[in-house]
Amino acid sequence: MEQPADRPVRHVAALRIALALFVLAWIFGPYSFRAAVPAWLVFLIALGLEVQFFLGALREQPREARDRGPQAVDRERFGYPEEVEDPFEAELDEEYEAEPEPEPVELAPARRPLWPPLRRLLVGAGLIGAFALVLWFVEARTGWDGLSAETRSQAEARFSAEASQIAAKPVTVRCDESGRYVGAVQHSDGAAVVGGDLAYLTPERCLDLYRLAFKGEERGSRTGRALAVLAHEAWHLRGVRDEGTTECYALQSGVVIGERLGLPKDTARRLMRQQFVENALHAGGSSEYLVTRDCRDGGGLDLHLGDSRFP
């Protein structure tokens, strides 16, 4: 049977396992997860729980008087026979029946030693500190924030040049490191004022575009989504307002941008076709972002009527 003293230990172990899983999800998960859940908040909660377990272990625990006779579980397992009345024992019972039973003695509460719970607290705090250090190192050395300021500036200039060709005018693309314009809170990967000259992309999408343009790395649907988002915001800057039309144009222009950033044409088309199939998923339940029936080969939104392949 589980003893009450074992429960805090199990709770601490479960907390540490959950913390380790969170660290892995935070490191390898999407940028939107890292933006929505500040790491310091989770570690603060974990540290508070460790302190709570520590204080709970120091509380006085009452001593329970134990019955030294056979326990119920022993009787059930080993089959203790029912008591058989013995005349001699019955006579003794009658003899001592008049004597009052001794009152139970209340034992003083016992204090638990300080070192075991303190040791668990120190171990838990050490693990929390180690996980926090790992997160800080990963955040500082990887991702968009891990790039130097000069590299980020060069990448933004490259993205701006690609968007300018679609917008047919000089425009600027910024990677929203602050999260004020795009990201998990705004539920979008990019933002731009229709007809304006400035667009914002999430650092996650900027990193995917950087890996393609500067490292030659193609990461499947992540790369395809980044190309589609860049093209989508560029068409907004050009003056296209309707979201479904803008998305249709973006899926076609994403092929061209992908080629200019280093993708083979067939690969760029494959990625944009995948984005076309996943359009309903990316729309996030908003019908205005869904492409219409005119978004097809030979349709009213086909930018390349002479090309039979779409997008």
C-alpha atoms as a PDB file:
ATOM      1  CA  MET A   1       0.000   0.000   0.000  1.00  0.00           C
ATOM      2  CA  GLU A   2       1.140   3.543  -0.751  1.00  0.00           C
ATOM      3  CA  GLN A   3       2.206   5.334   2.398  1.00  0.00           C
ATOM      4  CA  PRO A   4       1.225   9.012   2.850  1.00  0.00           C
ATOM      5  CA  ALA A   5       4.875   9.925   3.250  1.00  0.00           C
ATOM      6  CA  ASP A   6       5.586   8.621  -0.233  1.00  0.00           C
ATOM      7  CA  ARG A   7       3.094  10.916  -1.932  1.00  0.00           C
ATOM      8  CA  PRO A   8       5.151  14.146  -1.756  1.00  0.00           C
ATOM      9  CA  VAL A   9       8.125  12.290  -3.199  1.00  0.00           C
ATOM     10  CA  ARG A  10       5.990  11.031  -6.098  1.00  0.00           C
ATOM     11  CA  HIS A  11       4.628  14.505  -6.647  1.00  0.00           C
ATOM     12  CA  VAL A  12       8.124  15.965  -6.806  1.00  0.00           C
ATOM     13  CA  ALA A  13       9.217  13.280  -9.284  1.00  0.00           C
ATOM     14  CA  ALA A  14       6.168  13.952 -11.480  1.00  0.00           C
ATOM     15  CA  LEU A  15       6.894  17.673 -11.363  1.00  0.00           C
ATOM     16  CA  ARG A  16      10.475  17.165 -12.480  1.00  0.00           C
ATOM     17  CA  ILE A  17       9.419  14.880 -15.326  1.00  0.00           C
ATOM     18  CA  ALA A  18       6.834  17.442 -16.452  1.00  0.00           C
ATOM     19  CA  LEU A  19       9.476  20.168 -16.302  1.00  0.00           C
ATOM     20  CA  ALA A  20      11.852  18.112 -18.454  1.00  0.00           C
ATOM     21  CA  LEU A  21       9.098  17.494 -21.020  1.00  0.00           C
ATOM     22  CA  PHE A  22       8.312  21.205 -21.080  1.00  0.00           C
ATOM     23  CA  VAL A  23      11.960  22.042 -21.736  1.00  0.00           C
ATOM     24  CA  LEU A  24      12.045  19.660 -24.698  1.00  0.00           C
ATOM     25  CA  ALA A  25       8.764  21.032 -26.087  1.00  0.00           C
ATOM     26  CA  TRP A  26       9.943  24.597 -25.599  1.00  0.00           C
ATOM     27  CA  ILE A  27      13.259  23.939 -27.384  1.00  0.00           C
ATOM     28  CA  PHE A  28      12.035  21.831 -30.284  1.00  0.00           C
ATOM     29  CA  GLY A  29       8.449  23.096 -30.529  1.00  0.00           C
ATOM     30  CA  PRO A  30       7.120  25.886 -32.736  1.00  0.00           C
ATOM     31  CA  TYR A  31       8.055  29.503 -32.146  1.00  0.00           C
ATOM     32  CA  SER A  32       4.419  30.309 -31.373  1.00  0.00           C
ATOM     33  CA  PHE A  33       4.650  28.046 -28.311  1.00  0.00           C
ATOM     34  CA  ARG A  34       7.780  29.822 -27.074  1.00  0.00           C
ATOM     35  CA  ALA A  35       6.127  33.185 -27.647  1.00  0.00           C
ATOM     36  CA  ALA A  36       2.897  32.204 -25.878  1.00  0.00           C
ATOM     37  CA  VAL A  37       4.463  30.569 -22.806  1.00  0.00           C
ATOM     38  CA  PRO A  38       7.257  32.533 -21.106  1.00  0.00           C
ATOM     39  CA  ALA A  39       9.806  30.088 -19.774  1.00  0.00           C
ATOM     40  CA  TRP A  40      10.343  32.042 -16.538  1.00  0.00           C
ATOM     41  CA  LEU A  41       6.668  31.586 -15.593  1.00  0.00           C
ATOM     42  CA  VAL A  42       6.893  27.785 -15.692  1.00  0.00           C
ATOM     43  CA  PHE A  43      10.124  27.741 -13.712  1.00  0.00           C
ATOM     44  CA  LEU A  44       8.643  30.084 -11.120  1.00  0.00           C
ATOM     45  CA  ILE A  45       5.696  27.720 -10.645  1.00  0.00           C
ATOM     46  CA  ALA A  46       8.033  24.725 -10.411  1.00  0.00           C
ATOM     47  CA  LEU A  47      10.160  26.478  -7.788  1.00  0.00           C
ATOM     48  CA  GLY A  48       7.035  27.388  -5.806  1.00  0.00           C
ATOM     49  CA  LEU A  49       5.930  23.757  -5.790  1.00  0.00           C
ATOM     50  CA  GLU A  50       9.349  22.637  -4.597  1.00  0.00           C
ATOM     51  CA  VAL A  51       9.126  25.092  -1.692  1.00  0.00           C
ATOM     52  CA  GLN A  52       5.596  23.877  -0.910  1.00  0.00           C
ATOM     53  CA  PHE A  53       6.760  20.254  -0.772  1.00  0.00           C
ATOM     54  CA  PHE A  54       9.657  21.301   1.458  1.00  0.00           C
ATOM     55  CA  LEU A  55       7.416  23.108   3.939  1.00  0.00           C
ATOM     56  CA  GLY A  56       4.937  20.228   3.912  1.00  0.00           C
ATOM     57  CA  ALA A  57       7.709  17.805   4.815  1.00  0.00           C
ATOM     58  CA  LEU A  58       8.604  19.892   7.884  1.00  0.00           C
ATOM     59  CA  ARG A  59       5.133  19.791   9.367  1.00  0.00           C
ATOM     60  CA  GLU A  60       4.622  17.768  12.511  1.00  0.00           C
ATOM     61  CA  GLN A  61       3.275  14.297  11.836  1.00  0.00           C
ATOM     62  CA  PRO A  62       1.199  12.582  14.580  1.00  0.00           C
ATOM     63  CA  ARG A  63       2.344   9.203  15.699  1.00  0.00           C
ATOM     64  CA  GLU A  64      -0.204   6.487  15.236  1.00  0.00           C
ATOM     65  CA  ALA A  65      -0.517   3.722  17.807  1.00  0.00           C
ATOM     66  CA  ARG A  66      -0.100   0.454  15.984  1.00  0.00           C
ATOM     67  CA  ASP A  67      -1.991  -2.729  16.798  1.00  0.00           C
ATOM     68  CA  ARG A  68       0.577  -5.431  17.391  1.00  0.00           C
ATOM     69  CA  GLY A  69      -1.947  -8.201  16.759  1.00  0.00           C
ATOM     70  CA  PRO A  70      -2.657  -9.815  13.392  1.00  0.00           C
ATOM     71  CA  GLN A  71      -3.870  -7.273  10.886  1.00  0.00           C
ATOM     72  CA  ALA A  72      -6.952  -7.712   8.709  1.00  0.00           C
ATOM     73  CA  VAL A  73      -4.826  -8.301   5.626  1.00  0.00           C
ATOM     74  CA  ASP A  74      -2.898 -11.017   7.483  1.00  0.00           C
ATOM     75  CA  ARG A  75      -6.096 -12.729   8.547  1.00  0.00           C
ATOM     76  CA  GLU A  76      -7.357 -12.663   4.986  1.00  0.00           C
ATOM     77  CA  ARG A  77      -4.101 -13.931   3.468  1.00  0.00           C
ATOM     78  CA  PHE A  78      -3.126 -16.609   5.986  1.00  0.00           C
ATOM     79  CA  GLY A  79      -6.594 -17.628   7.094  1.00  0.00           C
ATOM     80  CA  TYR A  80      -6.445 -17.102  10.835  1.00  0.00           C
ATOM     81  CA  PRO A  81      -9.174 -19.262  12.374  1.00  0.00           C
ATOM     82  CA  GLU A  82     -12.050 -17.701  14.155  1.00  0.00           C
ATOM     83  CA  GLU A  83     -11.574 -17.518  17.871  1.00  0.00           C
ATOM     84  CA  VAL A  84     -12.847 -20.676  19.633  1.00  0.00           C
ATOM     85  CA  GLU A  85     -14.317 -20.192  23.023  1.00  0.00           C
ATOM     86  CA  ASP A  86     -12.223 -21.936  25.661  1.00  0.00           C
ATOM     87  CA  PRO A  87     -13.876 -22.544  29.055  1.00  0.00           C
ATOM     88  CA  PHE A  88     -10.676 -21.645  30.852  1.00  0.00           C
ATOM     89  CA  GLU A  89     -10.280 -18.432  28.848  1.00  0.00           C
ATOM     90  CA  ALA A  90     -13.942 -17.641  29.399  1.00  0.00           C
ATOM     91  CA  GLU A  91     -13.389 -17.983  33.133  1.00  0.00           C
ATOM     92  CA  LEU A  92     -10.416 -15.645  32.951  1.00  0.00           C
ATOM     93  CA  ASP A  93     -12.450 -13.160  30.918  1.00  0.00           C
ATOM     94  CA  GLU A  94     -15.125 -13.151  33.598  1.00  0.00           C
ATOM     95  CA  GLU A  95     -12.458 -12.652  36.247  1.00  0.00           C
ATOM     96  CA  TYR A  96     -10.905  -9.628  34.571  1.00  0.00           C
ATOM     97  CA  GLU A  97     -14.105  -8.280  33.031  1.00  0.00           C
ATOM     98  CA  ALA A  98     -14.621  -5.879  35.897  1.00  0.00           C
ATOM     99  CA  GLU A  99     -11.220  -4.293  35.487  1.00  0.00           C
ATOM    100  CA  PRO A 100     -11.350  -1.082  33.403  1.00  0.00           C
ATOM    101  CA  GLU A 101      -9.384  -0.992  30.184  1.00  0.00           C
ATOM    102  CA  PRO A 102      -6.381   1.303  30.244  1.00  0.00           C
ATOM    103  CA  GLU A 103      -6.892   4.606  28.472  1.00  0.00           C
ATOM    104  CA  PRO A 104      -4.901   5.014  25.238  1.00  0.00           C
ATOM    105  CA  VAL A 105      -1.789   7.082  25.613  1.00  0.00           C
ATOM    106  CA  GLU A 106      -1.500   9.945  23.170  1.00  0.00           C
ATOM    107  CA  LEU A 107       1.942  10.131  21.697  1.00  0.00           C
ATOM    108  CA  ALA A 108       3.560  13.494  21.141  1.00  0.00           C
ATOM    109  CA  PRO A 109       3.794  14.616  17.514  1.00  0.00           C
ATOM    110  CA  ALA A 110       7.067  13.687  15.898  1.00  0.00           C
ATOM    111  CA  ARG A 111       9.197  16.161  14.050  1.00  0.00           C
ATOM    112  CA  ARG A 112      10.778  15.018  10.830  1.00  0.00           C
ATOM    113  CA  PRO A 113      14.511  15.550  10.461  1.00  0.00           C
ATOM    114  CA  LEU A 114      15.458  18.674   8.523  1.00  0.00           C
ATOM    115  CA  TRP A 115      18.117  17.273   6.202  1.00  0.00           C
ATOM    116  CA  PRO A 116      16.050  14.878   3.964  1.00  0.00           C
ATOM    117  CA  PRO A 117      13.468  17.494   2.866  1.00  0.00           C
ATOM    118  CA  LEU A 118      16.185  20.147   2.595  1.00  0.00           C
ATOM    119  CA  ARG A 119      18.207  17.831   0.390  1.00  0.00           C
ATOM    120  CA  ARG A 120      15.204  17.251  -1.873  1.00  0.00           C
ATOM    121  CA  LEU A 121      14.645  21.001  -2.069  1.00  0.00           C
ATOM    122  CA  LEU A 122      18.249  21.653  -3.041  1.00  0.00           C
ATOM    123  CA  VAL A 123      18.163  18.899  -5.671  1.00  0.00           C
ATOM    124  CA  GLY A 124      14.914  20.258  -7.125  1.00  0.00           C
ATOM    125  CA  ALA A 125      16.213  23.825  -7.165  1.00  0.00           C
ATOM    126  CA  GLY A 126      19.397  22.610  -8.821  1.00  0.00           C
ATOM    127  CA  LEU A 127      17.465  20.811 -11.546  1.00  0.00           C
ATOM    128  CA  ILE A 128      15.274  23.852 -12.143  1.00  0.00           C
ATOM    129  CA  GLY A 129      18.360  26.035 -12.409  1.00  0.00           C
ATOM    130  CA  ALA A 130      19.998  23.595 -14.820  1.00  0.00           C
ATOM    131  CA  PHE A 131      16.920  23.499 -17.062  1.00  0.00           C
ATOM    132  CA  ALA A 132      16.730  27.300 -16.993  1.00  0.00           C
ATOM    133  CA  LEU A 133      20.381  27.489 -18.018  1.00  0.00           C
ATOM    134  CA  VAL A 134      19.762  25.088 -20.905  1.00  0.00           C
ATOM    135  CA  LEU A 135      16.829  27.167 -22.137  1.00  0.00           C
ATOM    136  CA  TRP A 136      18.829  30.364 -21.916  1.00  0.00           C
ATOM    137  CA  PHE A 137      21.716  28.807 -23.838  1.00  0.00           C
ATOM    138  CA  VAL A 138      19.461  27.402 -26.568  1.00  0.00           C
ATOM    139  CA  GLU A 139      17.545  30.657 -26.931  1.00  0.00           C
ATOM    140  CA  ALA A 140      20.748  32.685 -27.120  1.00  0.00           C
ATOM    141  CA  ARG A 141      22.589  30.387 -29.537  1.00  0.00           C
ATOM    142  CA  THR A 142      19.843  29.126 -31.838  1.00  0.00           C
ATOM    143  CA  GLY A 143      16.858  30.542 -33.657  1.00  0.00           C
ATOM    144  CA  TRP A 144      16.486  33.950 -35.203  1.00  0.00           C
ATOM    145  CA  ASP A 145      17.689  35.670 -32.019  1.00  0.00           C
ATOM    146  CA  GLY A 146      20.859  33.605 -32.149  1.00  0.00           C
ATOM    147  CA  LEU A 147      21.961  35.300 -35.365  1.00  0.00           C
ATOM    148  CA  SER A 148      24.145  38.369 -35.204  1.00  0.00           C
ATOM    149  CA  ALA A 149      22.573  41.790 -35.741  1.00  0.00           C
ATOM    150  CA  GLU A 150      24.490  42.153 -39.005  1.00  0.00           C
ATOM    151  CA  THR A 151      23.238  38.803 -40.301  1.00  0.00           C
ATOM    152  CA  ARG A 152      19.641  39.619 -39.391  1.00  0.00           C
ATOM    153  CA  SER A 153      19.958  42.972 -41.150  1.00  0.00           C
ATOM    154  CA  GLN A 154      21.297  41.308 -44.298  1.00  0.00           C
ATOM    155  CA  ALA A 155      18.498  38.763 -44.247  1.00  0.00           C
ATOM    156  CA  GLU A 156      15.808  41.428 -43.846  1.00  0.00           C
ATOM    157  CA  ALA A 157      17.329  43.329 -46.765  1.00  0.00           C
ATOM    158  CA  ARG A 158      17.102  40.178 -48.889  1.00  0.00           C
ATOM    159  CA  PHE A 159      13.487  39.577 -47.881  1.00  0.00           C
ATOM    160  CA  SER A 160      12.659  43.216 -48.617  1.00  0.00           C
ATOM    161  CA  ALA A 161      14.179  42.940 -52.091  1.00  0.00           C
ATOM    162  CA  GLU A 162      12.035  39.884 -52.882  1.00  0.00           C
ATOM    163  CA  ALA A 163       8.890  41.571 -51.579  1.00  0.00           C
ATOM    164  CA  SER A 164       9.673  44.725 -53.559  1.00  0.00           C
ATOM    165  CA  GLN A 165       9.606  42.790 -56.836  1.00  0.00           C
ATOM    166  CA  ILE A 166       6.089  41.540 -56.074  1.00  0.00           C
ATOM    167  CA  ALA A 167       4.865  44.868 -54.698  1.00  0.00           C
ATOM    168  CA  ALA A 168       6.295  46.673 -57.760  1.00  0.00           C
ATOM    169  CA  LYS A 169       7.805  49.332 -55.486  1.00  0.00           C
ATOM    170  CA  PRO A 170      10.429  49.586 -52.740  1.00  0.00           C
ATOM    171  CA  VAL A 171       9.110  48.016 -49.537  1.00  0.00           C
ATOM    172  CA  THR A 172      10.623  46.873 -46.241  1.00  0.00           C
ATOM    173  CA  VAL A 173      10.209  43.552 -44.464  1.00  0.00           C
ATOM    174  CA  ARG A 174      10.932  43.420 -40.749  1.00  0.00           C
ATOM    175  CA  CYS A 175      11.160  40.403 -38.480  1.00  0.00           C
ATOM    176  CA  ASP A 176       9.000  41.175 -35.471  1.00  0.00           C
ATOM    177  CA  GLU A 177      11.295  40.127 -32.635  1.00  0.00           C
ATOM    178  CA  SER A 178       9.175  41.981 -30.087  1.00  0.00           C
ATOM    179  CA  GLY A 179       6.004  40.048 -30.945  1.00  0.00           C
ATOM    180  CA  ARG A 180       3.890  43.217 -30.951  1.00  0.00           C
ATOM    181  CA  TYR A 181       2.672  42.918 -34.530  1.00  0.00           C
ATOM    182  CA  VAL A 182       2.630  39.213 -35.385  1.00  0.00           C
ATOM    183  CA  GLY A 183       2.938  35.930 -33.548  1.00  0.00           C
ATOM    184  CA  ALA A 184       0.954  33.783 -31.135  1.00  0.00           C
ATOM    185  CA  VAL A 185      -1.033  36.675 -29.671  1.00  0.00           C
ATOM    186  CA  GLN A 186      -2.066  38.024 -33.062  1.00  0.00           C
ATOM    187  CA  HIS A 187      -2.563  34.509 -34.504  1.00  0.00           C
ATOM    188  CA  SER A 188      -0.760  35.376 -37.735  1.00  0.00           C
ATOM    189  CA  ASP A 189       2.621  34.764 -39.330  1.00  0.00           C
ATOM    190  CA  GLY A 190       2.748  38.125 -41.076  1.00  0.00           C
ATOM    191  CA  ALA A 191       1.121  41.531 -41.217  1.00  0.00           C
ATOM    192  CA  ALA A 192       1.110  44.466 -43.626  1.00  0.00           C
ATOM    193  CA  VAL A 193      -0.974  47.536 -44.343  1.00  0.00           C
ATOM    194  CA  VAL A 194      -2.676  47.252 -47.716  1.00  0.00           C
ATOM    195  CA  GLY A 195      -0.871  49.568 -50.104  1.00  0.00           C
ATOM    196  CA  GLY A 196       1.789  50.409 -47.512  1.00  0.00           C
ATOM    197  CA  ASP A 197       5.528  49.915 -47.609  1.00  0.00           C
ATOM    198  CA  LEU A 198       6.227  47.922 -44.437  1.00  0.00           C
ATOM    199  CA  ALA A 199       5.484  44.302 -43.561  1.00  0.00           C
ATOM    200  CA  TYR A 200       6.217  42.189 -40.493  1.00  0.00           C
ATOM    201  CA  LEU A 201       7.005  38.485 -40.306  1.00  0.00           C
ATOM    202  CA  THR A 202       7.417  36.260 -37.250  1.00  0.00           C
ATOM    203  CA  PRO A 203      11.020  35.367 -36.340  1.00  0.00           C
ATOM    204  CA  GLU A 204      10.133  31.722 -37.014  1.00  0.00           C
ATOM    205  CA  ARG A 205       9.282  32.473 -40.655  1.00  0.00           C
ATOM    206  CA  CYS A 206      12.299  34.747 -41.007  1.00  0.00           C
ATOM    207  CA  LEU A 207      14.538  31.957 -39.757  1.00  0.00           C
ATOM    208  CA  ASP A 208      13.115  29.521 -42.329  1.00  0.00           C
ATOM    209  CA  LEU A 209      13.694  32.054 -45.115  1.00  0.00           C
ATOM    210  CA  TYR A 210      17.219  32.754 -43.837  1.00  0.00           C
ATOM    211  CA  ARG A 211      18.078  29.053 -43.800  1.00  0.00           C
ATOM    212  CA  LEU A 212      16.942  28.752 -47.394  1.00  0.00           C
ATOM    213  CA  ALA A 213      18.533  31.924 -48.766  1.00  0.00           C
ATOM    214  CA  PHE A 214      21.812  31.870 -46.834  1.00  0.00           C
ATOM    215  CA  LYS A 215      22.329  28.192 -45.916  1.00  0.00           C
ATOM    216  CA  GLY A 216      20.578  26.395 -48.753  1.00  0.00           C
ATOM    217  CA  GLU A 217      18.422  24.450 -46.282  1.00  0.00           C
ATOM    218  CA  GLU A 218      14.946  23.346 -47.360  1.00  0.00           C
ATOM    219  CA  ARG A 219      12.715  22.098 -44.550  1.00  0.00           C
ATOM    220  CA  GLY A 220       9.602  20.939 -46.315  1.00  0.00           C
ATOM    221  CA  SER A 221       6.340  22.548 -45.285  1.00  0.00           C
ATOM    222  CA  ARG A 222       8.133  25.017 -42.999  1.00  0.00           C
ATOM    223  CA  THR A 223      10.018  26.456 -45.958  1.00  0.00           C
ATOM    224  CA  GLY A 224       6.894  26.433 -48.107  1.00  0.00           C
ATOM    225  CA  ARG A 225       4.892  28.251 -45.461  1.00  0.00           C
ATOM    226  CA  ALA A 226       7.587  30.916 -45.044  1.00  0.00           C
ATOM    227  CA  LEU A 227       7.633  31.566 -48.797  1.00  0.00           C
ATOM    228  CA  ALA A 228       3.840  31.820 -48.913  1.00  0.00           C
ATOM    229  CA  VAL A 229       3.748  34.251 -45.989  1.00  0.00           C
ATOM    230  CA  LEU A 230       6.393  36.521 -47.512  1.00  0.00           C
ATOM    231  CA  ALA A 231       4.579  36.560 -50.849  1.00  0.00           C
ATOM    232  CA  HIS A 232       1.204  37.093 -49.149  1.00  0.00           C
ATOM    233  CA  GLU A 233       2.342  40.219 -47.314  1.00  0.00           C
ATOM    234  CA  ALA A 234       4.065  41.510 -50.460  1.00  0.00           C
ATOM    235  CA  TRP A 235       0.772  41.327 -52.377  1.00  0.00           C
ATOM    236  CA  HIS A 236      -0.912  43.280 -49.584  1.00  0.00           C
ATOM    237  CA  LEU A 237       1.776  45.944 -49.974  1.00  0.00           C
ATOM    238  CA  ARG A 238       1.006  46.007 -53.670  1.00  0.00           C
ATOM    239  CA  GLY A 239      -2.581  46.942 -52.842  1.00  0.00           C
ATOM    240  CA  VAL A 240      -4.527  43.669 -52.930  1.00  0.00           C
ATOM    241  CA  ARG A 241      -6.980  43.663 -50.027  1.00  0.00           C
ATOM    242  CA  ASP A 242      -9.071  40.477 -50.325  1.00  0.00           C
ATOM    243  CA  GLU A 243      -7.397  37.740 -48.284  1.00  0.00           C
ATOM    244  CA  GLY A 244      -8.485  34.829 -50.481  1.00  0.00           C
ATOM    245  CA  THR A 245      -7.215  36.572 -53.620  1.00  0.00           C
ATOM    246  CA  THR A 246      -3.999  37.572 -51.863  1.00  0.00           C
ATOM    247  CA  GLU A 247      -3.377  33.985 -50.785  1.00  0.00           C
ATOM    248  CA  CYS A 248      -3.972  32.675 -54.296  1.00  0.00           C
ATOM    249  CA  TYR A 249      -1.497  35.156 -55.744  1.00  0.00           C
ATOM    250  CA  ALA A 250       0.977  34.340 -52.959  1.00  0.00           C
ATOM    251  CA  LEU A 251       0.928  30.607 -53.702  1.00  0.00           C
ATOM    252  CA  GLN A 252       1.857  31.346 -57.290  1.00  0.00           C
ATOM    253  CA  SER A 253       4.486  33.978 -56.481  1.00  0.00           C
ATOM    254  CA  GLY A 254       5.974  31.722 -53.838  1.00  0.00           C
ATOM    255  CA  VAL A 255       7.275  29.503 -56.615  1.00  0.00           C
ATOM    256  CA  VAL A 256       9.230  32.405 -58.103  1.00  0.00           C
ATOM    257  CA  ILE A 257      10.562  33.582 -54.748  1.00  0.00           C
ATOM    258  CA  GLY A 258      11.605  30.024 -53.887  1.00  0.00           C
ATOM    259  CA  GLU A 259      13.558  29.753 -57.127  1.00  0.00           C
ATOM    260  CA  ARG A 260      15.324  33.075 -56.539  1.00  0.00           C
ATOM    261  CA  LEU A 261      16.247  31.978 -53.018  1.00  0.00           C
ATOM    262  CA  GLY A 262      17.838  28.776 -54.293  1.00  0.00           C
ATOM    263  CA  LEU A 263      15.151  26.115 -54.724  1.00  0.00           C
ATOM    264  CA  PRO A 264      14.846  24.010 -57.870  1.00  0.00           C
ATOM    265  CA  LYS A 265      11.687  24.941 -59.753  1.00  0.00           C
ATOM    266  CA  ASP A 266      10.075  21.551 -59.252  1.00  0.00           C
ATOM    267  CA  THR A 267      10.741  21.711 -55.516  1.00  0.00           C
ATOM    268  CA  ALA A 268       9.317  25.218 -55.274  1.00  0.00           C
ATOM    269  CA  ARG A 269       6.162  24.109 -57.105  1.00  0.00           C
ATOM    270  CA  ARG A 270       5.812  21.067 -54.873  1.00  0.00           C
ATOM    271  CA  LEU A 271       6.025  23.183 -51.734  1.00  0.00           C
ATOM    272  CA  MET A 272       3.443  25.664 -53.020  1.00  0.00           C
ATOM    273  CA  ARG A 273       1.099  22.888 -54.069  1.00  0.00           C
ATOM    274  CA  GLN A 274       1.356  21.517 -50.562  1.00  0.00           C
ATOM    275  CA  GLN A 275       0.459  24.966 -49.222  1.00  0.00           C
ATOM    276  CA  PHE A 276      -2.463  25.078 -51.645  1.00  0.00           C
ATOM    277  CA  VAL A 277      -3.776  21.772 -50.277  1.00  0.00           C
ATOM    278  CA  GLU A 278      -3.307  22.986 -46.696  1.00  0.00           C
ATOM    279  CA  ASN A 279      -5.010  26.316 -47.359  1.00  0.00           C
ATOM    280  CA  ALA A 280      -8.041  25.415 -45.263  1.00  0.00           C
ATOM    281  CA  LEU A 281      -5.765  24.496 -42.365  1.00  0.00           C
ATOM    282  CA  HIS A 282      -3.814  27.745 -42.537  1.00  0.00           C
ATOM    283  CA  ALA A 283      -7.038  29.740 -42.757  1.00  0.00           C
ATOM    284  CA  GLY A 284      -7.641  28.876 -39.110  1.00  0.00           C
ATOM    285  CA  GLY A 285     -11.403  28.649 -39.486  1.00  0.00           C
ATOM    286  CA  SER A 286     -11.685  32.064 -41.165  1.00  0.00           C
ATOM    287  CA  SER A 287     -13.410  31.762 -44.534  1.00  0.00           C
ATOM    288  CA  GLU A 288     -11.910  35.020 -45.842  1.00  0.00           C
ATOM    289  CA  TYR A 289      -8.504  33.344 -46.146  1.00  0.00           C
ATOM    290  CA  LEU A 290      -9.805  30.430 -48.204  1.00  0.00           C
ATOM    291  CA  VAL A 291      -8.956  30.501 -51.887  1.00  0.00           C
ATOM    292  CA  THR A 292     -11.918  30.578 -54.277  1.00  0.00           C
ATOM    293  CA  ARG A 293     -12.754  28.448 -57.298  1.00  0.00           C
ATOM    294  CA  ASP A 294     -11.041  31.009 -59.495  1.00  0.00           C
ATOM    295  CA  CYS A 295      -7.732  29.983 -57.912  1.00  0.00           C
ATOM    296  CA  ARG A 296      -6.919  27.258 -60.443  1.00  0.00           C
ATOM    297  CA  ASP A 297      -5.156  26.661 -63.707  1.00  0.00           C
ATOM    298  CA  GLY A 298      -6.851  28.890 -66.283  1.00  0.00           C
ATOM    299  CA  GLY A 299      -9.050  30.502 -63.615  1.00  0.00           C
ATOM    300  CA  GLY A 300      -9.650  34.183 -63.083  1.00  0.00           C
ATOM    301  CA  LEU A 301      -6.786  34.396 -60.533  1.00  0.00           C
ATOM    302  CA  ASP A 302      -4.204  32.520 -62.602  1.00  0.00           C
ATOM    303  CA  LEU A 303      -1.168  34.796 -62.946  1.00  0.00           C
ATOM    304  CA  HIS A 304       0.399  32.652 -65.687  1.00  0.00           C
ATOM    305  CA  LEU A 305      -2.302  31.673 -68.144  1.00  0.00           C
ATOM    306  CA  GLY A 306       0.250  30.353 -70.600  1.00  0.00           C
ATOM    307  CA  ASP A 307       1.630  27.848 -68.053  1.00  0.00           C
ATOM    308  CA  SER A 308      -0.439  24.699 -67.635  1.00  0.00           C
ATOM    309  CA  ARG A 309       1.107  23.887 -64.254  1.00  0.00           C
ATOM    310  CA  PHE A 310      -0.537  25.511 -61.231  1.00  0.00           C
ATOM    311  CA  PRO A 311       0.519  27.023 -58.986  1.00  0.00           C
END
